[in-house]
Amino acid sequence: MLDNGLMMDKDDEEYENILILANMVEADLMERLLSEQDIPYYIRPWQDVSFDGIFVERKGYGWLMGRRADENIIRTIYKDRIQSRKLPNENNV
């Protein structure tokens, strides 16, 4: 992880924060969907044992990180396959 919040992959490509995942279910679904399309990604969860999950409750599950070149397709997949299936009273992240 670089100081500016970016991450580098093995091919020296920068991964940046693209969207916030609300929970582990969203993380699992996005992992499956992105893997099916061979889109590289990294899920950076906000888990800290010492705070007993307080960040997950307040901020969401964590960041979905990806290459800048893949940002639009990742956001489209999230919007079409995850966000569109949420109930009207659920928080949209």
C-alpha atoms as a PDB file:
ATOM      1  CA  MET A   1       0.000   0.000   0.000  1.00  0.00           C
ATOM      2  CA  LEU A   2       1.312   3.411  -0.931  1.00  0.00           C
ATOM      3  CA  ASP A   3       1.040   6.467   1.348  1.00  0.00           C
ATOM      4  CA  ASN A   4      -1.589   8.077  -0.894  1.00  0.00           C
ATOM      5  CA  GLY A   5      -4.089   5.209  -0.419  1.00  0.00           C
ATOM      6  CA  LEU A   6      -3.252   3.571  -3.736  1.00  0.00           C
ATOM      7  CA  MET A   7      -2.055   0.014  -4.053  1.00  0.00           C
ATOM      8  CA  MET A   8       0.247  -1.485  -6.692  1.00  0.00           C
ATOM      9  CA  ASP A   9      -0.272  -4.919  -8.226  1.00  0.00           C
ATOM     10  CA  LYS A  10       2.455  -7.289  -9.389  1.00  0.00           C
ATOM     11  CA  ASP A  11       2.536  -5.554 -12.800  1.00  0.00           C
ATOM     12  CA  ASP A  12       3.058  -2.125 -11.167  1.00  0.00           C
ATOM     13  CA  GLU A  13      -0.476  -0.998 -11.985  1.00  0.00           C
ATOM     14  CA  GLU A  14      -2.101   1.310  -9.450  1.00  0.00           C
ATOM     15  CA  TYR A  15      -5.277   0.198  -7.737  1.00  0.00           C
ATOM     16  CA  GLU A  16      -7.452   2.959  -6.352  1.00  0.00           C
ATOM     17  CA  ASN A  17     -10.561   3.078  -4.191  1.00  0.00           C
ATOM     18  CA  ILE A  18     -13.552   2.775  -6.498  1.00  0.00           C
ATOM     19  CA  LEU A  19     -16.557   2.191  -4.258  1.00  0.00           C
ATOM     20  CA  ILE A  20     -17.627   1.284  -0.751  1.00  0.00           C
ATOM     21  CA  LEU A  21     -19.151  -2.134  -0.194  1.00  0.00           C
ATOM     22  CA  ALA A  22     -21.966  -2.111   2.365  1.00  0.00           C
ATOM     23  CA  ASN A  23     -21.490  -5.620   3.718  1.00  0.00           C
ATOM     24  CA  MET A  24     -19.841  -8.999   3.235  1.00  0.00           C
ATOM     25  CA  VAL A  25     -22.636 -10.175   0.917  1.00  0.00           C
ATOM     26  CA  GLU A  26     -21.906  -7.326  -1.508  1.00  0.00           C
ATOM     27  CA  ALA A  27     -18.191  -8.106  -1.243  1.00  0.00           C
ATOM     28  CA  ASP A  28     -18.769 -11.788  -2.052  1.00  0.00           C
ATOM     29  CA  LEU A  29     -21.047 -10.979  -4.995  1.00  0.00           C
ATOM     30  CA  MET A  30     -18.661  -8.418  -6.478  1.00  0.00           C
ATOM     31  CA  GLU A  31     -15.773 -10.834  -6.019  1.00  0.00           C
ATOM     32  CA  ARG A  32     -17.669 -13.473  -8.020  1.00  0.00           C
ATOM     33  CA  LEU A  33     -18.854 -11.046 -10.722  1.00  0.00           C
ATOM     34  CA  LEU A  34     -15.449  -9.438 -11.266  1.00  0.00           C
ATOM     35  CA  SER A  35     -13.665 -12.794 -11.273  1.00  0.00           C
ATOM     36  CA  GLU A  36     -16.071 -14.119 -13.914  1.00  0.00           C
ATOM     37  CA  GLN A  37     -15.072 -11.227 -16.174  1.00  0.00           C
ATOM     38  CA  ASP A  38     -11.349 -11.432 -15.355  1.00  0.00           C
ATOM     39  CA  ILE A  39     -11.326  -7.895 -13.962  1.00  0.00           C
ATOM     40  CA  PRO A  40      -8.532  -7.448 -11.414  1.00  0.00           C
ATOM     41  CA  TYR A  41      -9.643  -6.030  -8.060  1.00  0.00           C
ATOM     42  CA  TYR A  42      -8.821  -5.951  -4.383  1.00  0.00           C
ATOM     43  CA  ILE A  43     -11.300  -5.802  -1.507  1.00  0.00           C
ATOM     44  CA  ARG A  44      -9.932  -3.931   1.495  1.00  0.00           C
ATOM     45  CA  PRO A  45     -12.225  -4.623   4.477  1.00  0.00           C
ATOM     46  CA  TRP A  46     -12.465  -2.325   7.475  1.00  0.00           C
ATOM     47  CA  GLN A  47     -12.084  -4.991  10.110  1.00  0.00           C
ATOM     48  CA  ASP A  48     -10.375  -4.289  13.367  1.00  0.00           C
ATOM     49  CA  VAL A  49     -10.735  -6.784  16.191  1.00  0.00           C
ATOM     50  CA  SER A  50     -10.011  -4.137  18.814  1.00  0.00           C
ATOM     51  CA  PHE A  51     -13.033  -2.061  17.730  1.00  0.00           C
ATOM     52  CA  ASP A  52     -15.389  -5.074  17.426  1.00  0.00           C
ATOM     53  CA  GLY A  53     -16.827  -4.193  14.025  1.00  0.00           C
ATOM     54  CA  ILE A  54     -17.734  -0.575  14.766  1.00  0.00           C
ATOM     55  CA  PHE A  55     -16.373   0.610  11.396  1.00  0.00           C
ATOM     56  CA  VAL A  56     -18.448  -1.916   9.449  1.00  0.00           C
ATOM     57  CA  GLU A  57     -21.600  -0.670  11.168  1.00  0.00           C
ATOM     58  CA  ARG A  58     -20.847   3.008  10.504  1.00  0.00           C
ATOM     59  CA  LYS A  59     -18.831   3.084   7.283  1.00  0.00           C
ATOM     60  CA  GLY A  60     -19.692  -0.114   5.415  1.00  0.00           C
ATOM     61  CA  TYR A  61     -17.724  -3.303   4.868  1.00  0.00           C
ATOM     62  CA  GLY A  62     -14.752  -1.824   3.038  1.00  0.00           C
ATOM     63  CA  TRP A  63     -13.301  -0.504  -0.200  1.00  0.00           C
ATOM     64  CA  LEU A  64     -13.440  -2.236  -3.527  1.00  0.00           C
ATOM     65  CA  MET A  65     -10.203  -1.246  -5.240  1.00  0.00           C
ATOM     66  CA  GLY A  66      -9.387  -1.605  -8.916  1.00  0.00           C
ATOM     67  CA  ARG A  67      -7.466  -0.132 -11.792  1.00  0.00           C
ATOM     68  CA  ARG A  68      -8.529   3.315 -12.977  1.00  0.00           C
ATOM     69  CA  ALA A  69      -9.060   1.834 -16.464  1.00  0.00           C
ATOM     70  CA  ASP A  70     -11.672  -0.570 -15.025  1.00  0.00           C
ATOM     71  CA  GLU A  71     -13.526   1.951 -12.854  1.00  0.00           C
ATOM     72  CA  ASN A  72     -16.486   2.469 -15.196  1.00  0.00           C
ATOM     73  CA  ILE A  73     -17.109  -1.246 -15.746  1.00  0.00           C
ATOM     74  CA  ILE A  74     -16.786  -1.977 -12.014  1.00  0.00           C
ATOM     75  CA  ARG A  75     -19.268   0.788 -11.153  1.00  0.00           C
ATOM     76  CA  THR A  76     -21.635  -0.446 -13.879  1.00  0.00           C
ATOM     77  CA  ILE A  77     -21.505  -4.016 -12.579  1.00  0.00           C
ATOM     78  CA  TYR A  78     -22.183  -2.770  -9.055  1.00  0.00           C
ATOM     79  CA  LYS A  79     -25.060  -0.550 -10.171  1.00  0.00           C
ATOM     80  CA  ASP A  80     -26.691  -3.157 -12.423  1.00  0.00           C
ATOM     81  CA  ARG A  81     -26.153  -6.296 -10.350  1.00  0.00           C
ATOM     82  CA  ILE A  82     -26.001  -5.116  -6.725  1.00  0.00           C
ATOM     83  CA  GLN A  83     -27.479  -1.665  -6.218  1.00  0.00           C
ATOM     84  CA  SER A  84     -30.491  -2.273  -8.472  1.00  0.00           C
ATOM     85  CA  ARG A  85     -31.549  -5.227  -6.315  1.00  0.00           C
ATOM     86  CA  LYS A  86     -31.639  -3.306  -3.022  1.00  0.00           C
ATOM     87  CA  LEU A  87     -34.964  -2.630  -1.425  1.00  0.00           C
ATOM     88  CA  PRO A  88     -36.130   1.021  -1.569  1.00  0.00           C
ATOM     89  CA  ASN A  89     -35.563   1.524   2.181  1.00  0.00           C
ATOM     90  CA  GLU A  90     -31.990   0.194   2.160  1.00  0.00           C
ATOM     91  CA  ASN A  91     -29.141   2.687   2.264  1.00  0.00           C
ATOM     92  CA  ASN A  92     -27.461   3.219  -1.078  1.00  0.00           C
ATOM     93  CA  VAL A  93     -23.708   3.403  -0.756  1.00  0.00           C
END
